[in-house]
Protein backbone atom coordinates (compact mmCIF):
# COMPACT_ATOMS: atom_id res chain seq x y z
CA MET A 1 -26.92 9.30 16.55
CA ILE A 2 -25.49 6.54 15.51
CA ASN A 3 -23.22 4.80 18.71
CA VAL A 4 -19.44 3.49 17.44
CA GLU A 5 -16.60 2.12 19.38
CA PRO A 6 -12.99 1.99 18.91
CA THR A 7 -11.20 -1.50 18.94
CA ILE A 8 -7.21 -1.00 19.19
CA ALA A 9 -5.10 -3.99 17.63
CA ASN A 10 -1.58 -4.39 17.20
CA THR A 11 -0.41 -6.68 14.72
CA ALA A 12 3.06 -8.04 14.61
CA LEU A 13 5.01 -7.98 11.46
CA THR A 14 7.63 -10.16 10.15
CA ALA A 15 10.27 -8.24 7.51
CA ASP A 16 8.80 -8.74 4.29
CA THR A 17 6.22 -11.09 4.58
CA GLU A 18 2.79 -10.98 4.58
CA ALA A 19 0.50 -10.73 7.60
CA SER A 20 -3.72 -10.44 8.04
CA TYR A 21 -5.86 -8.63 10.14
CA ALA A 22 -9.75 -9.12 10.18
CA LEU A 23 -11.79 -5.67 11.37
CA PRO A 24 -14.61 -5.99 13.44
CA ASN A 25 -18.24 -6.47 11.87
CA PHE A 26 -19.63 -3.43 11.27
CA THR A 27 -16.26 -1.52 11.00
CA VAL A 28 -17.22 2.23 9.64
CA SER A 29 -13.69 3.32 9.70
CA PHE A 30 -10.06 2.48 10.28
CA THR A 31 -6.71 3.81 10.69
CA ILE A 32 -3.70 1.71 10.30
CA LYS A 33 0.22 2.84 10.61
CA ALA A 34 3.52 1.22 11.61
CA ARG A 35 4.66 1.95 15.36
CA SER A 36 8.29 2.08 13.92
CA THR A 37 9.16 5.57 11.92
CA THR A 38 11.68 3.80 9.76
CA SER A 39 9.40 0.88 8.12
CA THR A 40 7.29 1.25 4.84
CA LEU A 41 3.83 -0.53 4.90
CA ARG A 42 2.05 -2.10 1.94
CA ILE A 43 -1.54 -2.33 2.47
CA ALA A 44 -3.86 -4.51 0.25
CA VAL A 45 -7.66 -5.97 0.66
CA VAL A 46 -6.71 -9.43 -1.52
CA SER A 47 -4.50 -11.73 0.01
CA THR A 48 -1.10 -12.04 -1.86
CA GLU A 49 -1.56 -8.61 -3.50
CA THR A 50 0.98 -6.82 -0.86
CA GLY A 51 3.87 -7.24 -3.86
CA THR A 52 1.64 -6.11 -6.44
CA ASN A 53 -1.68 -4.08 -5.86
CA TYR A 54 -1.23 -1.97 -2.77
CA ILE A 55 -1.58 1.26 -1.15
CA THR A 56 1.99 2.47 0.34
CA ILE A 57 2.36 3.99 3.61
CA PRO A 58 5.97 5.78 3.95
CA PRO A 59 8.56 6.03 6.90
CA GLY A 60 7.26 8.21 9.67
CA SER A 61 3.83 8.53 8.41
CA GLY A 62 0.86 9.36 10.17
CA GLY A 63 -1.14 6.31 8.81
CA TRP A 64 -3.81 5.91 6.16
CA SER A 65 -7.36 6.23 6.95
CA GLN A 66 -9.96 4.86 4.98
CA GLU A 67 -13.94 4.64 5.69
CA VAL A 68 -16.01 1.39 4.97
CA LYS A 69 -19.16 2.61 5.85
CA GLY A 70 -21.99 -0.02 5.52
CA ARG A 71 -20.00 -3.38 5.52
CA SER A 72 -22.01 -5.88 7.67
CA ALA A 73 -19.40 -8.60 7.05
CA ALA A 74 -15.84 -8.05 8.43
CA LEU A 75 -13.26 -6.86 5.90
CA THR A 76 -9.70 -8.27 6.13
CA ILE A 77 -6.52 -6.13 5.37
CA TYR A 78 -3.36 -7.50 4.54
CA ILE A 79 -0.04 -6.05 5.58
CA ARG A 80 3.86 -6.04 4.83
CA SER A 81 6.49 -4.30 6.20
CA ASN A 82 10.15 -3.94 4.46
CA GLU A 83 11.31 -4.44 8.15
CA ALA A 84 10.06 -6.14 11.55
CA ASP A 85 7.19 -4.18 13.14
CA THR A 86 4.16 -3.66 14.75
CA ALA A 87 1.09 -2.40 12.79
CA GLU A 88 -1.07 -0.37 15.06
CA ILE A 89 -4.67 -0.33 13.86
CA ILE A 90 -7.81 1.48 15.39
CA SER A 91 -10.90 0.75 14.15
CA TRP A 92 -14.52 2.26 14.70
CA HIS A 93 -17.46 -0.03 14.68
CA ASN A 94 -21.05 -0.24 15.28
């Protein structure tokens, strides 16, 4: 059995400004959502691409989950919101 531990993070977001969050090393999966039910989040894995190449999390959504098994190095995700908000992130890592 592989032991995994959670890390909860809250990342402050300024309207229409890209923020970043480095997932812990050995992350196997994560979920991200907006705290507010009125914000739209855009998620990218390359800096500056939250305006061009991103995944959209619509307002009021339960969030977006992604498995990233097998990554020993940290992965940074980039987040943009249409309004000031907080991104709530839970990651599971070895």
